């Protein structure tokens, strides 16, 4: 019985960050067409700025974020081109910023 406790503790230590990250991502609002979008690329492939350029969008803002870039395009199929290009997440950049800063959007 003594061996089960360390195994359970190790399992909890390994699973907690994954569950926390999943919950954090699920709470961020999804992107809306016509609004700025935070493009997050996968670890193996083109970076988010390259995906944004290939999809016909342009960067918004003076700096890049560690997890991706904020971009914008008025093209109707902009999101489809980002997803087919390799973007793993498309998040609503405007509402996400307001959410983290405490604004009620």
N, C-alpha and C. Protein backbone atom coordinates (compact mmCIF):
# COMPACT_ATOMS: atom_id res chain seq x y z
N UNK A 1 0.80 -1.19 0.00
CA UNK A 1 0.00 0.00 0.00
C UNK A 1 0.85 1.27 0.00
N UNK A 2 2.04 1.17 0.49
CA UNK A 2 2.89 2.35 0.57
C UNK A 2 3.33 2.82 -0.82
N UNK A 3 3.41 1.92 -1.79
CA UNK A 3 3.86 2.30 -3.11
C UNK A 3 2.79 3.05 -3.91
N UNK A 4 1.53 2.89 -3.58
CA UNK A 4 0.46 3.56 -4.31
C UNK A 4 0.46 5.07 -4.08
N UNK A 5 0.74 5.49 -2.90
CA UNK A 5 0.70 6.92 -2.58
C UNK A 5 1.70 7.72 -3.41
N UNK A 6 2.97 7.32 -3.53
CA UNK A 6 3.88 8.08 -4.39
C UNK A 6 3.47 8.07 -5.86
N UNK A 7 2.89 6.97 -6.31
CA UNK A 7 2.45 6.91 -7.71
C UNK A 7 1.28 7.86 -7.95
N UNK A 8 0.36 7.90 -7.02
CA UNK A 8 -0.77 8.82 -7.16
C UNK A 8 -0.30 10.27 -7.10
N UNK A 9 0.64 10.53 -6.22
CA UNK A 9 1.18 11.90 -6.13
C UNK A 9 1.88 12.28 -7.42
N UNK A 10 2.65 11.38 -8.00
CA UNK A 10 3.34 11.66 -9.25
C UNK A 10 2.34 11.87 -10.39
N UNK A 11 1.29 11.06 -10.41
CA UNK A 11 0.26 11.22 -11.43
C UNK A 11 -0.44 12.58 -11.30
N UNK A 12 -0.75 12.97 -10.07
CA UNK A 12 -1.39 14.26 -9.84
C UNK A 12 -0.48 15.42 -10.26
N UNK A 13 0.80 15.31 -9.96
CA UNK A 13 1.75 16.37 -10.33
C UNK A 13 1.87 16.48 -11.85
N UNK A 14 1.79 15.36 -12.55
CA UNK A 14 1.89 15.39 -14.01
C UNK A 14 0.60 15.87 -14.67
N UNK A 15 -0.55 15.48 -14.13
CA UNK A 15 -1.82 15.83 -14.77
C UNK A 15 -2.31 17.23 -14.44
N UNK A 16 -1.97 17.77 -13.29
CA UNK A 16 -2.47 19.08 -12.91
C UNK A 16 -2.13 20.17 -13.92
N UNK A 17 -0.88 20.31 -14.37
CA UNK A 17 -0.59 21.36 -15.36
C UNK A 17 -1.37 21.19 -16.66
N UNK A 18 -1.56 19.95 -17.09
CA UNK A 18 -2.31 19.71 -18.33
C UNK A 18 -3.77 20.11 -18.17
N UNK A 19 -4.38 19.76 -17.06
CA UNK A 19 -5.76 20.13 -16.82
C UNK A 19 -5.92 21.64 -16.66
N UNK A 20 -4.97 22.26 -15.98
CA UNK A 20 -5.02 23.70 -15.79
C UNK A 20 -4.89 24.42 -17.14
N UNK A 21 -3.96 23.99 -17.97
CA UNK A 21 -3.77 24.63 -19.28
C UNK A 21 -5.01 24.43 -20.16
N UNK A 22 -5.60 23.26 -20.12
CA UNK A 22 -6.82 23.01 -20.90
C UNK A 22 -7.96 23.90 -20.45
N UNK A 23 -8.11 24.08 -19.16
CA UNK A 23 -9.15 24.97 -18.64
C UNK A 23 -8.91 26.42 -19.00
N UNK A 24 -7.65 26.83 -18.97
CA UNK A 24 -7.32 28.22 -19.32
C UNK A 24 -7.61 28.49 -20.79
N UNK A 25 -7.27 27.57 -21.66
CA UNK A 25 -7.52 27.74 -23.09
C UNK A 25 -9.02 27.71 -23.38
N UNK A 26 -9.74 26.84 -22.69
CA UNK A 26 -11.19 26.74 -22.91
C UNK A 26 -11.93 28.00 -22.47
N UNK A 27 -11.37 28.76 -21.53
CA UNK A 27 -12.04 29.97 -21.04
C UNK A 27 -11.81 31.18 -21.93
N UNK A 28 -10.85 31.11 -22.85
CA UNK A 28 -10.56 32.23 -23.74
C UNK A 28 -11.57 32.21 -24.88
N UNK A 29 -12.17 33.36 -25.21
CA UNK A 29 -13.19 33.38 -26.25
C UNK A 29 -12.63 33.05 -27.64
N UNK A 30 -13.40 32.31 -28.45
CA UNK A 30 -12.94 31.99 -29.81
C UNK A 30 -12.95 33.24 -30.70
N UNK A 31 -12.22 33.17 -31.77
CA UNK A 31 -12.09 34.30 -32.69
C UNK A 31 -13.40 34.56 -33.43
N UNK A 32 -13.61 35.83 -33.79
CA UNK A 32 -14.77 36.24 -34.57
C UNK A 32 -14.29 36.82 -35.89
N UNK A 33 -14.94 36.48 -37.00
CA UNK A 33 -14.54 37.03 -38.30
C UNK A 33 -14.64 38.56 -38.30
N UNK A 34 -13.65 39.20 -38.89
CA UNK A 34 -13.63 40.65 -39.00
C UNK A 34 -13.00 41.36 -37.82
N UNK A 35 -12.61 40.63 -36.79
CA UNK A 35 -11.98 41.21 -35.60
C UNK A 35 -10.54 40.73 -35.50
N UNK A 36 -9.68 41.42 -34.73
CA UNK A 36 -8.31 40.94 -34.55
C UNK A 36 -8.28 39.55 -33.93
N UNK A 37 -7.36 38.74 -34.39
CA UNK A 37 -7.26 37.35 -33.96
C UNK A 37 -5.84 37.08 -33.47
N UNK A 38 -5.72 36.31 -32.38
CA UNK A 38 -4.43 35.84 -31.92
C UNK A 38 -4.19 34.49 -32.57
N UNK A 39 -3.15 34.41 -33.38
CA UNK A 39 -2.82 33.18 -34.12
C UNK A 39 -1.73 32.45 -33.35
N UNK A 40 -2.01 31.21 -32.98
CA UNK A 40 -1.04 30.37 -32.28
C UNK A 40 -0.70 29.21 -33.20
N UNK A 41 0.60 29.05 -33.49
CA UNK A 41 1.03 27.98 -34.39
C UNK A 41 1.52 26.78 -33.59
N UNK A 42 1.64 25.66 -34.28
CA UNK A 42 2.14 24.45 -33.66
C UNK A 42 3.65 24.52 -33.46
N UNK A 43 4.18 23.61 -32.65
CA UNK A 43 5.63 23.64 -32.38
C UNK A 43 6.49 23.18 -33.54
N UNK A 44 5.92 22.41 -34.45
CA UNK A 44 6.69 21.88 -35.57
C UNK A 44 6.07 22.36 -36.87
N UNK A 45 6.57 23.44 -37.37
CA UNK A 45 6.03 24.01 -38.60
C UNK A 45 6.31 25.49 -38.65
N UNK A 46 5.65 26.19 -39.55
CA UNK A 46 5.89 27.63 -39.67
C UNK A 46 5.41 28.37 -38.42
N UNK A 47 6.08 29.48 -38.13
CA UNK A 47 5.66 30.27 -36.97
C UNK A 47 4.38 31.04 -37.30
N UNK A 48 3.79 31.64 -36.27
CA UNK A 48 2.49 32.29 -36.42
C UNK A 48 2.55 33.47 -37.38
N UNK A 49 3.65 34.22 -37.39
CA UNK A 49 3.77 35.37 -38.30
C UNK A 49 3.79 34.91 -39.75
N UNK A 50 4.45 33.80 -40.03
CA UNK A 50 4.48 33.26 -41.38
C UNK A 50 3.09 32.78 -41.80
N UNK A 51 2.39 32.09 -40.90
CA UNK A 51 1.03 31.65 -41.19
C UNK A 51 0.12 32.84 -41.49
N UNK A 52 0.27 33.89 -40.72
CA UNK A 52 -0.55 35.09 -40.90
C UNK A 52 -0.30 35.72 -42.28
N UNK A 53 0.96 35.85 -42.66
CA UNK A 53 1.28 36.42 -43.97
C UNK A 53 0.77 35.55 -45.11
N UNK A 54 0.94 34.23 -44.99
CA UNK A 54 0.49 33.31 -46.04
C UNK A 54 -1.03 33.34 -46.21
N UNK A 55 -1.75 33.61 -45.12
CA UNK A 55 -3.21 33.64 -45.17
C UNK A 55 -3.75 34.99 -45.66
N UNK A 56 -2.87 35.95 -45.88
CA UNK A 56 -3.29 37.25 -46.39
C UNK A 56 -3.62 38.26 -45.33
N UNK A 57 -3.20 38.02 -44.10
CA UNK A 57 -3.45 38.96 -43.01
C UNK A 57 -2.25 39.84 -42.74
N UNK A 58 -2.43 40.80 -41.84
CA UNK A 58 -1.32 41.66 -41.44
C UNK A 58 -1.29 41.74 -39.92
N UNK A 59 -0.09 41.96 -39.38
CA UNK A 59 0.08 42.03 -37.93
C UNK A 59 -0.50 43.32 -37.39
N UNK A 60 -1.04 43.22 -36.17
CA UNK A 60 -1.62 44.36 -35.48
C UNK A 60 -0.83 44.56 -34.19
N UNK A 61 -0.47 45.78 -33.91
CA UNK A 61 0.23 46.07 -32.66
C UNK A 61 1.72 46.22 -32.84
N UNK A 62 2.35 46.83 -31.86
CA UNK A 62 3.78 47.12 -31.96
C UNK A 62 4.70 45.96 -31.63
N UNK A 63 4.17 44.87 -31.02
CA UNK A 63 5.06 43.78 -30.63
C UNK A 63 4.36 42.44 -30.78
N UNK A 64 5.17 41.38 -30.74
CA UNK A 64 4.64 40.02 -30.83
C UNK A 64 4.55 39.43 -29.43
N UNK A 65 3.64 38.50 -29.27
CA UNK A 65 3.47 37.81 -28.01
C UNK A 65 4.26 36.50 -28.05
N UNK A 66 4.66 35.97 -26.90
CA UNK A 66 5.44 34.71 -26.91
C UNK A 66 4.68 33.53 -27.49
N UNK A 67 3.35 33.53 -27.39
CA UNK A 67 2.59 32.37 -27.87
C UNK A 67 2.09 32.52 -29.30
N UNK A 68 2.15 33.72 -29.86
CA UNK A 68 1.66 33.92 -31.22
C UNK A 68 1.67 35.39 -31.60
N UNK A 69 0.96 35.71 -32.68
CA UNK A 69 0.88 37.09 -33.15
C UNK A 69 -0.59 37.48 -33.31
N UNK A 70 -0.84 38.77 -33.14
CA UNK A 70 -2.18 39.31 -33.35
C UNK A 70 -2.24 39.82 -34.78
N UNK A 71 -3.26 39.39 -35.51
CA UNK A 71 -3.39 39.79 -36.90
C UNK A 71 -4.83 40.09 -37.26
N UNK A 72 -5.00 40.58 -38.50
CA UNK A 72 -6.33 40.97 -38.96
C UNK A 72 -6.40 40.85 -40.47
N UNK A 73 -7.58 40.52 -40.96
CA UNK A 73 -7.86 40.51 -42.39
C UNK A 73 -9.37 40.59 -42.57
N UNK A 74 -9.80 41.26 -43.63
CA UNK A 74 -11.22 41.36 -43.94
C UNK A 74 -11.68 40.26 -44.89
N UNK A 75 -10.77 39.41 -45.34
CA UNK A 75 -11.13 38.33 -46.27
C UNK A 75 -12.06 37.34 -45.60
N UNK A 76 -13.05 36.86 -46.34
CA UNK A 76 -14.05 35.95 -45.80
C UNK A 76 -13.46 34.59 -45.43
N UNK A 77 -12.47 34.12 -46.18
CA UNK A 77 -11.89 32.80 -45.90
C UNK A 77 -10.57 32.87 -45.14
N UNK A 78 -10.35 33.96 -44.42
CA UNK A 78 -9.11 34.17 -43.68
C UNK A 78 -8.89 33.07 -42.63
N UNK A 79 -9.93 32.75 -41.86
CA UNK A 79 -9.80 31.73 -40.81
C UNK A 79 -9.51 30.36 -41.42
N UNK A 80 -10.18 30.04 -42.52
CA UNK A 80 -9.95 28.75 -43.17
C UNK A 80 -8.50 28.63 -43.65
N UNK A 81 -7.97 29.70 -44.21
CA UNK A 81 -6.58 29.66 -44.68
C UNK A 81 -5.61 29.51 -43.52
N UNK A 82 -5.90 30.14 -42.37
CA UNK A 82 -5.03 29.99 -41.21
C UNK A 82 -5.04 28.56 -40.69
N UNK A 83 -6.22 27.98 -40.59
CA UNK A 83 -6.33 26.60 -40.09
C UNK A 83 -5.66 25.63 -41.05
N UNK A 84 -5.89 25.77 -42.34
CA UNK A 84 -5.26 24.87 -43.32
C UNK A 84 -3.76 25.10 -43.40
N UNK A 85 -3.30 26.29 -43.03
CA UNK A 85 -1.88 26.57 -43.04
C UNK A 85 -1.13 25.99 -41.85
N UNK A 86 -1.86 25.64 -40.77
CA UNK A 86 -1.20 25.02 -39.62
C UNK A 86 -1.44 25.70 -38.29
N UNK A 87 -2.31 26.69 -38.21
CA UNK A 87 -2.60 27.33 -36.92
C UNK A 87 -3.37 26.36 -36.04
N UNK A 88 -2.96 26.25 -34.77
CA UNK A 88 -3.64 25.32 -33.87
C UNK A 88 -4.71 26.01 -33.03
N UNK A 89 -4.59 27.32 -32.84
CA UNK A 89 -5.59 28.08 -32.08
C UNK A 89 -5.80 29.44 -32.73
N UNK A 90 -7.06 29.85 -32.81
CA UNK A 90 -7.42 31.19 -33.25
C UNK A 90 -8.29 31.79 -32.15
N UNK A 91 -7.77 32.79 -31.47
CA UNK A 91 -8.46 33.37 -30.32
C UNK A 91 -8.81 34.82 -30.59
N UNK A 92 -9.90 35.28 -30.01
CA UNK A 92 -10.35 36.66 -30.15
C UNK A 92 -9.41 37.57 -29.37
N UNK A 93 -8.57 38.29 -30.08
CA UNK A 93 -7.54 39.11 -29.43
C UNK A 93 -8.13 40.27 -28.63
N UNK A 94 -9.17 40.90 -29.14
CA UNK A 94 -9.76 42.03 -28.44
C UNK A 94 -10.44 41.63 -27.15
N UNK A 95 -11.26 40.61 -27.19
CA UNK A 95 -11.96 40.16 -25.99
C UNK A 95 -11.02 39.49 -25.01
N UNK A 96 -9.97 38.83 -25.51
CA UNK A 96 -9.03 38.19 -24.62
C UNK A 96 -8.27 39.23 -23.81
N UNK A 97 -7.84 40.29 -24.45
CA UNK A 97 -7.14 41.36 -23.73
C UNK A 97 -8.05 41.98 -22.69
N UNK A 98 -9.29 42.24 -23.06
CA UNK A 98 -10.24 42.82 -22.10
C UNK A 98 -10.49 41.87 -20.94
N UNK A 99 -10.54 40.57 -21.22
CA UNK A 99 -10.78 39.58 -20.17
C UNK A 99 -9.64 39.57 -19.17
N UNK A 100 -8.40 39.62 -19.65
CA UNK A 100 -7.25 39.58 -18.76
C UNK A 100 -7.05 40.89 -18.01
N UNK A 101 -7.53 41.99 -18.58
CA UNK A 101 -7.37 43.30 -17.93
C UNK A 101 -8.55 43.64 -17.02
N UNK A 102 -9.54 42.77 -16.98
CA UNK A 102 -10.65 42.98 -16.07
C UNK A 102 -11.81 43.76 -16.63
N UNK A 103 -11.81 44.06 -17.92
CA UNK A 103 -12.93 44.78 -18.52
C UNK A 103 -14.08 43.82 -18.75
N UNK A 104 -15.29 44.34 -18.74
CA UNK A 104 -16.48 43.53 -18.95
C UNK A 104 -16.93 43.69 -20.39
N UNK A 105 -16.54 42.72 -21.24
CA UNK A 105 -16.86 42.81 -22.68
C UNK A 105 -17.89 41.78 -23.04
